[in-house]
Amino acid sequence: QVQLVESGGGLVQAGGSLRLSCAASGSIFGINTMAWYRQAPGKQREVVARITSSGSTNYANYADSVKGRFTISRDNAKNTVYLQMNSLKPEDTAVYYCHLGNYGLEYWGQGTQVTVSS
């Protein structure tokens, strides 16, 4: 029932910025965590950033590789998550996936390609 749709990927030069969006539809209840993962060819999927909503409070954390460059946030309805990516590096090139965890259930978006040229 829950569907996640990512958008905002594309081609950008090193040092540039992109903002990814993930819109969730369906039934989402109570405490939940939305996250961004990425997977580059030949590499395992890794978590980039996650944000947990508990009531009106949000808790965010980041992979060390993106700290200080990426910012995860949620909209007022708590059904959309964003990833603001600044100072992009070629190493950030990957397919980025939105993920939702909600009371033991998890959902994945189909991914959006981010390519950073040198």
Protein backbone atom coordinates (compact mmCIF):
# COMPACT_ATOMS: atom_id res chain seq x y z
CA GLN A 1 0.00 0.00 0.00
CA VAL A 2 2.87 2.36 0.74
CA GLN A 3 4.65 3.71 -2.29
CA LEU A 4 7.80 5.82 -2.38
CA VAL A 5 8.66 7.91 -5.42
CA GLU A 6 12.04 9.60 -5.71
CA SER A 7 12.87 12.58 -7.87
CA GLY A 8 15.59 15.16 -8.30
CA GLY A 9 18.47 13.05 -9.55
CA GLY A 10 20.55 14.05 -12.52
CA LEU A 11 23.96 15.01 -13.79
CA VAL A 12 25.95 17.65 -11.94
CA GLN A 13 29.54 18.85 -11.92
CA ALA A 14 31.78 18.27 -8.94
CA GLY A 15 31.18 20.93 -6.35
CA GLY A 16 27.58 21.40 -7.42
CA SER A 17 24.35 20.69 -5.60
CA LEU A 18 21.22 18.62 -6.01
CA ARG A 19 18.12 18.13 -3.92
CA LEU A 20 16.44 14.75 -3.90
CA SER A 21 12.81 14.31 -2.91
CA CYS A 22 10.90 11.23 -1.86
CA ALA A 23 7.13 11.37 -1.64
CA ALA A 24 5.36 8.67 0.33
CA SER A 25 1.78 7.66 -0.23
CA GLY A 26 -0.38 5.17 1.62
CA SER A 27 -0.77 4.39 5.31
CA ILE A 28 2.11 5.47 7.53
CA PHE A 29 1.62 5.26 11.28
CA GLY A 30 3.31 6.80 14.29
CA ILE A 31 7.04 6.55 14.74
CA ASN A 32 8.80 6.03 11.46
CA THR A 33 12.19 6.41 9.90
CA MET A 34 12.85 7.63 6.40
CA ALA A 35 16.28 7.25 4.93
CA TRP A 36 18.37 7.67 1.84
CA TYR A 37 20.57 4.82 0.66
CA ARG A 38 22.83 4.69 -2.34
CA GLN A 39 24.41 1.99 -4.43
CA ALA A 40 27.19 2.40 -6.95
CA PRO A 41 28.06 -0.29 -9.53
CA GLY A 42 30.04 -3.08 -7.93
CA LYS A 43 29.43 -1.77 -4.43
CA GLN A 44 27.01 -2.71 -1.69
CA ARG A 45 24.07 -0.52 -0.85
CA GLU A 46 24.87 1.85 1.99
CA VAL A 47 22.88 4.22 4.13
CA VAL A 48 23.58 7.87 3.48
CA ALA A 49 21.26 9.60 5.92
CA ARG A 50 18.21 8.81 7.98
CA ILE A 51 15.65 10.81 9.88
CA THR A 52 13.31 9.43 12.52
CA SER A 53 10.04 11.11 13.40
CA SER A 54 8.72 10.62 16.93
CA GLY A 55 5.77 12.87 17.52
CA SER A 56 6.87 16.34 16.48
CA THR A 57 10.56 15.61 17.03
CA ASN A 58 12.94 14.58 14.28
CA TYR A 59 16.29 12.86 14.77
CA ALA A 60 18.77 12.82 11.92
CA ASN A 61 22.07 11.06 11.38
CA TYR A 62 24.52 10.76 8.51
CA ALA A 63 27.21 8.59 7.09
CA ASP A 64 30.66 9.97 7.85
CA SER A 65 31.35 10.39 4.15
CA VAL A 66 28.57 12.97 3.73
CA LYS A 67 28.61 14.81 7.05
CA GLY A 68 28.79 18.54 6.54
CA ARG A 69 27.74 18.24 2.90
CA PHE A 70 24.31 16.56 2.91
CA THR A 71 21.21 17.49 4.88
CA ILE A 72 18.14 15.32 5.33
CA SER A 73 14.80 16.91 6.17
CA ARG A 74 11.06 16.19 6.18
CA ASP A 75 8.09 18.28 5.16
CA ASN A 76 5.35 19.47 7.49
CA ALA A 77 3.07 16.56 6.67
CA LYS A 78 5.92 14.12 7.39
CA ASN A 79 5.20 12.26 4.21
CA THR A 80 8.06 13.62 2.12
CA VAL A 81 11.77 13.41 2.79
CA TYR A 82 14.46 15.50 1.13
CA LEU A 83 18.17 15.15 0.74
CA GLN A 84 20.02 18.37 0.04
CA MET A 85 23.40 17.46 -1.41
CA ASN A 86 26.07 20.14 -1.56
CA SER A 87 29.73 20.05 -2.55
CA LEU A 88 29.12 16.91 -4.56
CA LYS A 89 32.04 14.67 -5.40
CA PRO A 90 32.44 12.04 -8.14
CA GLU A 91 32.44 9.45 -5.35
CA ASP A 92 28.81 10.39 -4.68
CA THR A 93 27.77 8.95 -8.04
CA ALA A 94 25.21 6.21 -7.40
CA VAL A 95 21.58 5.28 -7.57
CA TYR A 96 19.91 6.83 -4.56
CA TYR A 97 17.03 4.98 -2.94
CA CYS A 98 14.42 6.23 -0.51
CA HIS A 99 13.55 3.90 2.36
CA LEU A 100 10.77 3.91 4.93
CA GLY A 101 10.68 1.87 8.12
CA ASN A 102 7.41 1.76 10.03
CA TYR A 103 6.61 -0.68 12.86
CA GLY A 104 8.61 -3.53 11.41
CA LEU A 105 7.58 -2.90 7.83
CA GLU A 106 9.91 -1.46 5.26
CA TYR A 107 9.47 0.00 1.82
CA TRP A 108 11.81 1.04 -0.95
CA GLY A 109 11.57 3.51 -3.77
CA GLN A 110 12.73 2.59 -7.25
CA GLY A 111 15.78 4.82 -7.12
CA THR A 112 17.03 7.93 -8.86
CA GLN A 113 20.39 8.24 -10.58
CA VAL A 114 22.89 10.83 -9.39
CA THR A 115 25.97 11.33 -11.53
CA VAL A 116 28.73 13.72 -10.52
CA SER A 117 31.27 14.53 -13.18
CA SER A 118 34.84 15.57 -12.46
